[in-house]
Amino acid sequence: MFIIRSKFFYRIFFLSIILSLIFNQVNAETKPKSWIGIEFTSVTEEFINHNKLNANTPKNIIVISVVKTSAADEAKIIPGDVIISINNNIIKRTQDLLDFLKTTQAGDIITAKIYRNGSTQTKKIKLKKFPDPGFKPEWVEGS
C-alpha cells in the first residue's frame, strides 16, 4: 500500500513540475521584453576629464545616445543626462540598469532621477517593447 501511494505521489509531483515549467514558458513568451532606447556608459573621473564635464557630475551612468520615438525620447531624456536612480534604485554601473530592466516589461512606467546641467529632475518613462531583429534606429540630435 505504501509503495502504491508513493508512486502516485511521485507521479503527481513530477506532473506538477512539468505543468509549472510549461506555464512559465508560455507566460515568459507573453511578456514582451522592455526597452528604454538609449546607449549609455559609466561616468568615471577619467570620463569627466576627457569630456570636460563639470567636476560635480555624479558618477553614475550617462546617456550617450537616444533613439528617436523610444521610451527615453518620449520622456524627454537627452544625450548627456546622467541617470542617478530608477524607482529609487541607485544606478552606479551600466550593469545596474541592465539588471533593473530585466525585472520590467513593455508598458511598465518607471521613474528616473536624472542630473542635467547642474540640477536633478524626475522623469516618468513608459517602457516600450524591445524592437524586432533588423530594427534600424534613428538617433536624436546630439547622439
C-alpha atoms as a PDB file:
ATOM      1  CA  MET A   1       0.000   0.000   0.000  1.00  0.00           C
ATOM      2  CA  PHE A   2       2.805   2.425   0.885  1.00  0.00           C
ATOM      3  CA  ILE A   3       4.570   1.716  -2.412  1.00  0.00           C
ATOM      4  CA  ILE A   4       1.429   2.466  -4.433  1.00  0.00           C
ATOM      5  CA  ARG A   5       0.855   5.768  -2.642  1.00  0.00           C
ATOM      6  CA  SER A   6       4.493   6.613  -3.057  1.00  0.00           C
ATOM      7  CA  LYS A   7       4.338   6.035  -6.837  1.00  0.00           C
ATOM      8  CA  PHE A   8       1.167   8.099  -7.009  1.00  0.00           C
ATOM      9  CA  PHE A   9       2.828  10.920  -5.057  1.00  0.00           C
ATOM     10  CA  TYR A  10       5.856  10.938  -7.368  1.00  0.00           C
ATOM     11  CA  ARG A  11       3.648  10.960 -10.462  1.00  0.00           C
ATOM     12  CA  ILE A  12       1.657  13.922  -9.130  1.00  0.00           C
ATOM     13  CA  PHE A  13       4.887  15.656  -8.059  1.00  0.00           C
ATOM     14  CA  PHE A  14       6.530  15.284 -11.482  1.00  0.00           C
ATOM     15  CA  LEU A  15       3.320  16.217 -13.288  1.00  0.00           C
ATOM     16  CA  SER A  16       3.091  19.425 -11.243  1.00  0.00           C
ATOM     17  CA  ILE A  17       6.730  20.274 -12.086  1.00  0.00           C
ATOM     18  CA  ILE A  18       6.113  19.691 -15.800  1.00  0.00           C
ATOM     19  CA  LEU A  19       2.950  21.827 -15.749  1.00  0.00           C
ATOM     20  CA  SER A  20       4.807  24.548 -13.871  1.00  0.00           C
ATOM     21  CA  LEU A  21       7.595  24.565 -16.458  1.00  0.00           C
ATOM     22  CA  ILE A  22       5.097  24.697 -19.324  1.00  0.00           C
ATOM     23  CA  PHE A  23       3.156  27.522 -17.655  1.00  0.00           C
ATOM     24  CA  ASN A  24       6.341  29.520 -17.012  1.00  0.00           C
ATOM     25  CA  GLN A  25       7.457  29.044 -20.630  1.00  0.00           C
ATOM     26  CA  VAL A  26       4.096  30.203 -22.002  1.00  0.00           C
ATOM     27  CA  ASN A  27       3.962  33.080 -19.502  1.00  0.00           C
ATOM     28  CA  ALA A  28       7.504  34.186 -20.418  1.00  0.00           C
ATOM     29  CA  GLU A  29       6.595  34.295 -24.096  1.00  0.00           C
ATOM     30  CA  THR A  30       3.608  36.571 -23.473  1.00  0.00           C
ATOM     31  CA  LYS A  31       5.653  39.210 -21.627  1.00  0.00           C
ATOM     32  CA  PRO A  32       7.425  41.413 -24.168  1.00  0.00           C
ATOM     33  CA  LYS A  33      10.964  42.384 -23.240  1.00  0.00           C
ATOM     34  CA  SER A  34      11.159  46.045 -22.242  1.00  0.00           C
ATOM     35  CA  TRP A  35      13.223  48.695 -24.000  1.00  0.00           C
ATOM     36  CA  ILE A  36      14.208  52.212 -22.988  1.00  0.00           C
ATOM     37  CA  GLY A  37      16.026  53.235 -26.204  1.00  0.00           C
ATOM     38  CA  ILE A  38      19.352  54.630 -25.009  1.00  0.00           C
ATOM     39  CA  GLU A  39      23.049  53.939 -25.258  1.00  0.00           C
ATOM     40  CA  PHE A  40      24.915  54.665 -22.034  1.00  0.00           C
ATOM     41  CA  THR A  41      28.202  54.299 -20.194  1.00  0.00           C
ATOM     42  CA  SER A  42      29.551  54.720 -16.672  1.00  0.00           C
ATOM     43  CA  VAL A  43      30.689  58.143 -15.520  1.00  0.00           C
ATOM     44  CA  THR A  44      34.222  57.874 -14.178  1.00  0.00           C
ATOM     45  CA  GLU A  45      36.768  60.506 -13.219  1.00  0.00           C
ATOM     46  CA  GLU A  46      38.553  59.762 -16.489  1.00  0.00           C
ATOM     47  CA  PHE A  47      35.288  60.184 -18.434  1.00  0.00           C
ATOM     48  CA  ILE A  48      34.638  63.535 -16.717  1.00  0.00           C
ATOM     49  CA  ASN A  49      38.141  64.801 -17.517  1.00  0.00           C
ATOM     50  CA  HIS A  50      38.189  63.504 -21.103  1.00  0.00           C
ATOM     51  CA  ASN A  51      34.797  65.055 -21.911  1.00  0.00           C
ATOM     52  CA  LYS A  52      35.428  68.254 -19.923  1.00  0.00           C
ATOM     53  CA  LEU A  53      32.339  67.764 -17.766  1.00  0.00           C
ATOM     54  CA  ASN A  54      31.573  69.636 -14.572  1.00  0.00           C
ATOM     55  CA  ALA A  55      33.544  68.128 -11.665  1.00  0.00           C
ATOM     56  CA  ASN A  56      30.228  67.819  -9.766  1.00  0.00           C
ATOM     57  CA  THR A  57      28.811  65.411 -12.369  1.00  0.00           C
ATOM     58  CA  PRO A  58      27.503  62.361 -10.463  1.00  0.00           C
ATOM     59  CA  LYS A  59      29.474  59.172 -11.040  1.00  0.00           C
ATOM     60  CA  ASN A  60      26.503  57.123 -12.161  1.00  0.00           C
ATOM     61  CA  ILE A  61      25.686  56.364 -15.824  1.00  0.00           C
ATOM     62  CA  ILE A  62      25.432  58.880 -18.622  1.00  0.00           C
ATOM     63  CA  VAL A  63      23.175  58.741 -21.670  1.00  0.00           C
ATOM     64  CA  ILE A  64      25.318  58.793 -24.811  1.00  0.00           C
ATOM     65  CA  SER A  65      22.586  58.360 -27.438  1.00  0.00           C
ATOM     66  CA  VAL A  66      18.788  58.329 -27.569  1.00  0.00           C
ATOM     67  CA  VAL A  67      16.732  56.566 -30.239  1.00  0.00           C
ATOM     68  CA  LYS A  68      14.004  58.677 -31.854  1.00  0.00           C
ATOM     69  CA  THR A  69      10.472  57.722 -30.747  1.00  0.00           C
ATOM     70  CA  SER A  70      11.867  55.461 -27.991  1.00  0.00           C
ATOM     71  CA  ALA A  71      10.602  55.478 -24.416  1.00  0.00           C
ATOM     72  CA  ALA A  72      13.523  57.723 -23.424  1.00  0.00           C
ATOM     73  CA  ASP A  73      12.840  60.151 -26.287  1.00  0.00           C
ATOM     74  CA  GLU A  74       9.157  60.404 -25.363  1.00  0.00           C
ATOM     75  CA  ALA A  75      10.177  61.115 -21.740  1.00  0.00           C
ATOM     76  CA  LYS A  76      12.487  63.915 -22.974  1.00  0.00           C
ATOM     77  CA  ILE A  77      15.705  62.164 -21.902  1.00  0.00           C
ATOM     78  CA  ILE A  78      18.599  63.662 -23.863  1.00  0.00           C
ATOM     79  CA  PRO A  79      22.244  62.764 -24.501  1.00  0.00           C
ATOM     80  CA  GLY A  80      24.311  63.999 -21.570  1.00  0.00           C
ATOM     81  CA  ASP A  81      21.687  63.201 -18.925  1.00  0.00           C
ATOM     82  CA  VAL A  82      23.123  61.252 -16.003  1.00  0.00           C
ATOM     83  CA  ILE A  83      20.778  58.602 -14.614  1.00  0.00           C
ATOM     84  CA  ILE A  84      21.129  58.634 -10.846  1.00  0.00           C
ATOM     85  CA  SER A  85      18.332  56.230  -9.903  1.00  0.00           C
ATOM     86  CA  ILE A  86      15.333  54.381 -11.260  1.00  0.00           C
ATOM     87  CA  ASN A  87      12.385  53.657  -8.991  1.00  0.00           C
ATOM     88  CA  ASN A  88      14.638  54.711  -6.095  1.00  0.00           C
ATOM     89  CA  ASN A  89      17.263  52.102  -7.047  1.00  0.00           C
ATOM     90  CA  ILE A  90      20.670  53.786  -7.328  1.00  0.00           C
ATOM     91  CA  ILE A  91      22.221  53.187 -10.757  1.00  0.00           C
ATOM     92  CA  LYS A  92      26.021  53.348 -10.363  1.00  0.00           C
ATOM     93  CA  ARG A  93      27.161  50.974 -13.106  1.00  0.00           C
ATOM     94  CA  THR A  94      25.843  50.050 -16.526  1.00  0.00           C
ATOM     95  CA  GLN A  95      25.030  46.573 -15.202  1.00  0.00           C
ATOM     96  CA  ASP A  96      22.726  48.121 -12.570  1.00  0.00           C
ATOM     97  CA  LEU A  97      20.465  49.499 -15.302  1.00  0.00           C
ATOM     98  CA  LEU A  98      20.568  46.274 -17.322  1.00  0.00           C
ATOM     99  CA  ASP A  99      19.689  44.220 -14.241  1.00  0.00           C
ATOM    100  CA  PHE A 100      16.816  46.555 -13.381  1.00  0.00           C
ATOM    101  CA  LEU A 101      15.380  46.423 -16.904  1.00  0.00           C
ATOM    102  CA  LYS A 102      15.322  42.605 -16.743  1.00  0.00           C
ATOM    103  CA  THR A 103      12.685  42.927 -14.000  1.00  0.00           C
ATOM    104  CA  THR A 104      10.378  45.036 -16.172  1.00  0.00           C
ATOM    105  CA  GLN A 105       8.189  44.542 -19.193  1.00  0.00           C
ATOM    106  CA  ALA A 106       6.885  46.702 -22.002  1.00  0.00           C
ATOM    107  CA  GLY A 107       4.229  49.092 -20.750  1.00  0.00           C
ATOM    108  CA  ASP A 108       5.714  49.495 -17.270  1.00  0.00           C
ATOM    109  CA  ILE A 109       6.128  53.086 -16.115  1.00  0.00           C
ATOM    110  CA  ILE A 110       9.358  53.778 -14.266  1.00  0.00           C
ATOM    111  CA  THR A 111      10.586  56.912 -12.513  1.00  0.00           C
ATOM    112  CA  ALA A 112      14.112  58.075 -13.302  1.00  0.00           C
ATOM    113  CA  LYS A 113      16.025  60.667 -11.315  1.00  0.00           C
ATOM    114  CA  ILE A 114      18.438  62.386 -13.681  1.00  0.00           C
ATOM    115  CA  TYR A 115      21.132  65.032 -13.431  1.00  0.00           C
ATOM    116  CA  ARG A 116      21.145  67.669 -16.177  1.00  0.00           C
ATOM    117  CA  ASN A 117      23.007  70.996 -16.298  1.00  0.00           C
ATOM    118  CA  GLY A 118      23.771  71.070 -12.575  1.00  0.00           C
ATOM    119  CA  SER A 119      20.332  70.108 -11.257  1.00  0.00           C
ATOM    120  CA  THR A 120      18.258  66.972 -10.781  1.00  0.00           C
ATOM    121  CA  GLN A 121      14.947  66.176 -12.416  1.00  0.00           C
ATOM    122  CA  THR A 122      12.466  63.340 -12.213  1.00  0.00           C
ATOM    123  CA  LYS A 123      11.176  61.740 -15.409  1.00  0.00           C
ATOM    124  CA  LYS A 124       8.375  59.212 -15.880  1.00  0.00           C
ATOM    125  CA  ILE A 125       9.275  56.732 -18.612  1.00  0.00           C
ATOM    126  CA  LYS A 126       6.789  54.302 -20.149  1.00  0.00           C
ATOM    127  CA  LEU A 127       8.890  51.380 -21.373  1.00  0.00           C
ATOM    128  CA  LYS A 128       8.304  50.065 -24.860  1.00  0.00           C
ATOM    129  CA  LYS A 129       8.583  46.636 -26.443  1.00  0.00           C
ATOM    130  CA  PHE A 130      12.106  45.640 -27.456  1.00  0.00           C
ATOM    131  CA  PRO A 131      12.498  46.193 -31.224  1.00  0.00           C
ATOM    132  CA  ASP A 132      12.364  43.314 -33.665  1.00  0.00           C
ATOM    133  CA  PRO A 133      15.615  41.990 -35.181  1.00  0.00           C
ATOM    134  CA  GLY A 134      16.758  44.170 -38.044  1.00  0.00           C
ATOM    135  CA  PHE A 135      15.482  47.374 -36.413  1.00  0.00           C
ATOM    136  CA  LYS A 136      17.493  50.364 -37.708  1.00  0.00           C
ATOM    137  CA  PRO A 137      17.467  53.149 -35.110  1.00  0.00           C
ATOM    138  CA  GLU A 138      17.369  56.834 -35.910  1.00  0.00           C
ATOM    139  CA  TRP A 139      19.117  58.948 -33.295  1.00  0.00           C
ATOM    140  CA  VAL A 140      18.013  62.225 -31.716  1.00  0.00           C
ATOM    141  CA  GLU A 141      20.228  65.247 -32.257  1.00  0.00           C
ATOM    142  CA  GLY A 142      23.315  65.198 -30.084  1.00  0.00           C
ATOM    143  CA  SER A 143      23.572  61.414 -30.080  1.00  0.00           C
END
